[in-house]
Amino acid sequence: MAETVDELTVDYTEDGVLVSKQLDKIVLTKGAWSTIIFRYQDWDRKKEEYGPDKYTIRRYQKRNGEYMQKSKFNISSKDQATKIIEALQTWTKD
């Protein structure tokens, strides 16, 4: 597991193939509990190419010097991401 927030990733390799490729990440909170939003793509074995962008928000807890994933929320599409953005913008307007 990772010892720092910077080491945390959603990259995942299976049978020598990078099946989940991280494109970007934004650290929302740091500390004993850290929250990170990742942008990534999954490998489509049939098409032999990466699929559309996906997003996931993950919470990690640092224990004994290592971060362990405690929860996650996967955003299934750009449409769902846009709806979440719109809702948050509505709620956070001054």
N, C-alpha and C. Protein backbone atom coordinates (compact mmCIF):
# COMPACT_ATOMS: atom_id res chain seq x y z
N MET A 1 0.84 -1.19 0.00
CA MET A 1 0.00 0.00 0.00
C MET A 1 0.88 1.25 0.00
N ALA A 2 0.26 2.36 -0.21
CA ALA A 2 0.96 3.64 -0.32
C ALA A 2 1.22 4.25 1.06
N GLU A 3 2.36 4.91 1.17
CA GLU A 3 2.70 5.61 2.40
C GLU A 3 2.37 7.09 2.32
N THR A 4 2.22 7.63 1.10
CA THR A 4 1.86 9.04 0.92
C THR A 4 0.67 9.14 -0.03
N VAL A 5 -0.02 10.28 0.05
CA VAL A 5 -1.17 10.52 -0.83
C VAL A 5 -0.72 10.52 -2.29
N ASP A 6 0.47 11.04 -2.54
CA ASP A 6 0.97 11.11 -3.92
C ASP A 6 1.14 9.73 -4.55
N GLU A 7 1.35 8.70 -3.75
CA GLU A 7 1.54 7.35 -4.26
C GLU A 7 0.22 6.65 -4.60
N LEU A 8 -0.90 7.16 -4.11
CA LEU A 8 -2.18 6.51 -4.34
C LEU A 8 -2.59 6.64 -5.81
N THR A 9 -3.09 5.55 -6.38
CA THR A 9 -3.45 5.52 -7.79
C THR A 9 -4.57 4.52 -8.03
N VAL A 10 -5.24 4.65 -9.16
CA VAL A 10 -6.22 3.65 -9.58
C VAL A 10 -5.68 2.82 -10.74
N ASP A 11 -4.40 3.03 -11.09
CA ASP A 11 -3.78 2.17 -12.10
C ASP A 11 -3.86 0.72 -11.62
N TYR A 12 -4.24 -0.18 -12.53
CA TYR A 12 -4.35 -1.59 -12.17
C TYR A 12 -3.94 -2.43 -13.36
N THR A 13 -2.98 -3.31 -13.14
CA THR A 13 -2.47 -4.18 -14.19
C THR A 13 -2.90 -5.61 -13.92
N GLU A 14 -3.35 -6.29 -14.98
CA GLU A 14 -3.78 -7.68 -14.89
C GLU A 14 -3.21 -8.43 -16.09
N ASP A 15 -2.50 -9.50 -15.83
CA ASP A 15 -1.87 -10.29 -16.90
C ASP A 15 -1.01 -9.43 -17.82
N GLY A 16 -0.30 -8.47 -17.24
CA GLY A 16 0.59 -7.62 -18.01
C GLY A 16 -0.08 -6.50 -18.79
N VAL A 17 -1.40 -6.34 -18.62
CA VAL A 17 -2.16 -5.31 -19.33
C VAL A 17 -2.65 -4.28 -18.31
N LEU A 18 -2.42 -3.00 -18.60
CA LEU A 18 -2.92 -1.93 -17.75
C LEU A 18 -4.42 -1.80 -18.01
N VAL A 19 -5.23 -2.46 -17.17
CA VAL A 19 -6.68 -2.52 -17.41
C VAL A 19 -7.43 -1.32 -16.84
N SER A 20 -6.84 -0.62 -15.91
CA SER A 20 -7.40 0.63 -15.40
C SER A 20 -6.27 1.65 -15.43
N LYS A 21 -6.42 2.67 -16.27
CA LYS A 21 -5.36 3.65 -16.49
C LYS A 21 -5.77 5.00 -15.92
N GLN A 22 -5.03 5.45 -14.91
CA GLN A 22 -5.30 6.76 -14.30
C GLN A 22 -4.87 7.86 -15.27
N LEU A 23 -5.76 8.82 -15.47
CA LEU A 23 -5.47 9.97 -16.33
C LEU A 23 -5.13 11.21 -15.50
N ASP A 24 -5.75 11.33 -14.34
CA ASP A 24 -5.54 12.50 -13.49
C ASP A 24 -6.08 12.20 -12.11
N LYS A 25 -5.68 13.02 -11.15
CA LYS A 25 -6.27 12.93 -9.81
C LYS A 25 -6.17 14.28 -9.16
N ILE A 26 -7.13 14.54 -8.29
CA ILE A 26 -7.15 15.76 -7.49
C ILE A 26 -7.36 15.34 -6.04
N VAL A 27 -6.45 15.76 -5.19
CA VAL A 27 -6.56 15.47 -3.77
C VAL A 27 -7.48 16.51 -3.16
N LEU A 28 -8.61 16.05 -2.62
CA LEU A 28 -9.59 16.95 -2.02
C LEU A 28 -9.26 17.24 -0.56
N THR A 29 -8.80 16.22 0.16
CA THR A 29 -8.38 16.40 1.55
C THR A 29 -7.18 15.50 1.82
N LYS A 30 -6.30 15.97 2.71
CA LYS A 30 -5.14 15.20 3.14
C LYS A 30 -5.21 15.00 4.65
N GLY A 31 -4.49 14.01 5.12
CA GLY A 31 -4.41 13.77 6.56
C GLY A 31 -4.65 12.31 6.86
N ALA A 32 -5.06 12.03 8.09
CA ALA A 32 -5.33 10.65 8.49
C ALA A 32 -6.44 10.05 7.63
N TRP A 33 -7.39 10.90 7.22
CA TRP A 33 -8.42 10.52 6.26
C TRP A 33 -8.23 11.41 5.04
N SER A 34 -8.00 10.81 3.89
CA SER A 34 -7.79 11.56 2.66
C SER A 34 -8.87 11.21 1.64
N THR A 35 -9.28 12.21 0.87
CA THR A 35 -10.28 12.03 -0.17
C THR A 35 -9.67 12.47 -1.49
N ILE A 36 -9.81 11.61 -2.50
CA ILE A 36 -9.22 11.87 -3.81
C ILE A 36 -10.24 11.56 -4.88
N ILE A 37 -10.30 12.42 -5.90
CA ILE A 37 -11.12 12.13 -7.07
C ILE A 37 -10.16 11.79 -8.21
N PHE A 38 -10.43 10.68 -8.87
CA PHE A 38 -9.60 10.19 -9.97
C PHE A 38 -10.37 10.24 -11.28
N ARG A 39 -9.67 10.51 -12.35
CA ARG A 39 -10.18 10.36 -13.72
C ARG A 39 -9.38 9.22 -14.34
N TYR A 40 -10.09 8.25 -14.93
CA TYR A 40 -9.41 7.06 -15.44
C TYR A 40 -10.16 6.46 -16.63
N GLN A 41 -9.55 5.48 -17.26
CA GLN A 41 -10.18 4.73 -18.35
C GLN A 41 -9.92 3.25 -18.11
N ASP A 42 -10.88 2.43 -18.51
CA ASP A 42 -10.74 0.98 -18.46
C ASP A 42 -10.40 0.44 -19.84
N TRP A 43 -9.60 -0.61 -19.87
CA TRP A 43 -9.22 -1.27 -21.11
C TRP A 43 -10.36 -2.15 -21.58
N ASP A 44 -10.76 -2.00 -22.84
CA ASP A 44 -11.79 -2.84 -23.45
C ASP A 44 -11.07 -3.93 -24.23
N ARG A 45 -11.12 -5.14 -23.70
CA ARG A 45 -10.39 -6.26 -24.32
C ARG A 45 -10.91 -6.59 -25.72
N LYS A 46 -12.22 -6.46 -25.94
CA LYS A 46 -12.80 -6.77 -27.25
C LYS A 46 -12.34 -5.78 -28.31
N LYS A 47 -12.36 -4.49 -27.98
CA LYS A 47 -11.98 -3.46 -28.94
C LYS A 47 -10.47 -3.20 -28.95
N GLU A 48 -9.80 -3.72 -27.92
CA GLU A 48 -8.36 -3.50 -27.74
C GLU A 48 -8.02 -2.01 -27.71
N GLU A 49 -8.80 -1.27 -26.92
CA GLU A 49 -8.55 0.16 -26.72
C GLU A 49 -9.18 0.57 -25.40
N TYR A 50 -8.78 1.74 -24.93
CA TYR A 50 -9.37 2.26 -23.70
C TYR A 50 -10.73 2.87 -23.98
N GLY A 51 -11.63 2.71 -23.02
CA GLY A 51 -12.99 3.21 -23.15
C GLY A 51 -13.08 4.68 -22.74
N PRO A 52 -14.30 5.16 -22.56
CA PRO A 52 -14.52 6.56 -22.20
C PRO A 52 -14.00 6.87 -20.80
N ASP A 53 -13.78 8.16 -20.56
CA ASP A 53 -13.34 8.59 -19.23
C ASP A 53 -14.38 8.21 -18.18
N LYS A 54 -13.86 7.81 -17.03
CA LYS A 54 -14.69 7.50 -15.87
C LYS A 54 -14.10 8.26 -14.69
N TYR A 55 -14.86 8.34 -13.61
CA TYR A 55 -14.45 9.11 -12.44
C TYR A 55 -14.79 8.31 -11.20
N THR A 56 -13.95 8.44 -10.18
CA THR A 56 -14.22 7.77 -8.92
C THR A 56 -13.70 8.64 -7.78
N ILE A 57 -14.48 8.70 -6.71
CA ILE A 57 -14.07 9.41 -5.50
C ILE A 57 -13.76 8.35 -4.46
N ARG A 58 -12.57 8.44 -3.89
CA ARG A 58 -12.15 7.42 -2.93
C ARG A 58 -11.68 8.05 -1.63
N ARG A 59 -12.00 7.35 -0.54
CA ARG A 59 -11.57 7.78 0.81
C ARG A 59 -10.57 6.75 1.31
N TYR A 60 -9.49 7.28 1.86
CA TYR A 60 -8.43 6.44 2.40
C TYR A 60 -8.17 6.83 3.85
N GLN A 61 -7.83 5.82 4.65
CA GLN A 61 -7.44 6.05 6.04
C GLN A 61 -5.99 5.62 6.20
N LYS A 62 -5.21 6.46 6.85
CA LYS A 62 -3.81 6.12 7.10
C LYS A 62 -3.71 5.45 8.46
N ARG A 63 -3.22 4.22 8.43
CA ARG A 63 -3.02 3.44 9.66
C ARG A 63 -1.68 2.75 9.57
N ASN A 64 -0.94 2.81 10.65
CA ASN A 64 0.38 2.18 10.70
C ASN A 64 1.26 2.62 9.53
N GLY A 65 1.13 3.90 9.15
CA GLY A 65 1.99 4.46 8.12
C GLY A 65 1.59 4.17 6.69
N GLU A 66 0.46 3.49 6.49
CA GLU A 66 0.02 3.14 5.13
C GLU A 66 -1.44 3.53 4.92
N TYR A 67 -1.74 4.00 3.71
CA TYR A 67 -3.12 4.34 3.36
C TYR A 67 -3.86 3.10 2.90
N MET A 68 -5.07 2.94 3.42
CA MET A 68 -5.94 1.83 3.02
C MET A 68 -7.26 2.41 2.55
N GLN A 69 -7.75 1.93 1.41
CA GLN A 69 -9.02 2.40 0.90
C GLN A 69 -10.15 1.96 1.82
N LYS A 70 -11.02 2.91 2.17
CA LYS A 70 -12.14 2.61 3.05
C LYS A 70 -13.48 2.70 2.34
N SER A 71 -13.59 3.56 1.33
CA SER A 71 -14.84 3.65 0.59
C SER A 71 -14.58 4.25 -0.78
N LYS A 72 -15.56 4.07 -1.68
CA LYS A 72 -15.44 4.66 -3.01
C LYS A 72 -16.82 4.89 -3.58
N PHE A 73 -16.89 5.86 -4.48
CA PHE A 73 -18.10 6.14 -5.23
C PHE A 73 -17.69 6.29 -6.68
N ASN A 74 -18.22 5.44 -7.53
CA ASN A 74 -17.91 5.50 -8.95
C ASN A 74 -18.96 6.33 -9.68
N ILE A 75 -18.50 7.27 -10.48
CA ILE A 75 -19.38 8.09 -11.30
C ILE A 75 -19.41 7.41 -12.66
N SER A 76 -20.58 6.97 -13.08
CA SER A 76 -20.69 6.04 -14.19
C SER A 76 -20.58 6.65 -15.57
N SER A 77 -20.75 7.97 -15.68
CA SER A 77 -20.73 8.56 -17.02
C SER A 77 -20.47 10.07 -16.91
N LYS A 78 -20.16 10.68 -18.06
CA LYS A 78 -20.00 12.14 -18.09
C LYS A 78 -21.33 12.81 -17.74
N ASP A 79 -22.44 12.21 -18.16
CA ASP A 79 -23.76 12.77 -17.86
C ASP A 79 -23.99 12.81 -16.35
N GLN A 80 -23.67 11.73 -15.67
CA GLN A 80 -23.84 11.71 -14.21
C GLN A 80 -22.89 12.72 -13.56
N ALA A 81 -21.66 12.83 -14.05
CA ALA A 81 -20.70 13.80 -13.51
C ALA A 81 -21.24 15.21 -13.66
N THR A 82 -21.82 15.51 -14.81
CA THR A 82 -22.37 16.84 -15.06
C THR A 82 -23.52 17.14 -14.09
N LYS A 83 -24.37 16.16 -13.84
CA LYS A 83 -25.49 16.36 -12.91
C LYS A 83 -24.99 16.60 -11.48
N ILE A 84 -23.93 15.90 -11.08
CA ILE A 84 -23.35 16.11 -9.75
C ILE A 84 -22.78 17.52 -9.66
N ILE A 85 -22.06 17.95 -10.70
CA ILE A 85 -21.49 19.30 -10.74
C ILE A 85 -22.60 20.34 -10.62
N GLU A 86 -23.66 20.18 -11.40
CA GLU A 86 -24.78 21.14 -11.37
C GLU A 86 -25.42 21.20 -9.99
N ALA A 87 -25.62 20.05 -9.37
CA ALA A 87 -26.22 20.03 -8.03
C ALA A 87 -25.32 20.75 -7.03
N LEU A 88 -24.04 20.47 -7.06
CA LEU A 88 -23.11 21.12 -6.12
C LEU A 88 -23.02 22.62 -6.37
N GLN A 89 -23.03 23.02 -7.64
CA GLN A 89 -23.00 24.45 -7.93
C GLN A 89 -24.25 25.16 -7.43
N THR A 90 -25.39 24.51 -7.52
CA THR A 90 -26.64 25.08 -7.02
C THR A 90 -26.55 25.24 -5.51
N TRP A 91 -26.06 24.24 -4.82
CA TRP A 91 -26.01 24.27 -3.37
C TRP A 91 -24.95 25.21 -2.82
N THR A 92 -23.91 25.49 -3.60
CA THR A 92 -22.80 26.29 -3.07
C THR A 92 -22.79 27.73 -3.56
N LYS A 93 -23.85 28.14 -4.27
CA LYS A 93 -23.93 29.54 -4.72
C LYS A 93 -24.03 30.46 -3.53
N ASP A 94 -23.34 31.56 -3.62
CA ASP A 94 -23.39 32.58 -2.54
C ASP A 94 -24.63 33.42 -2.64
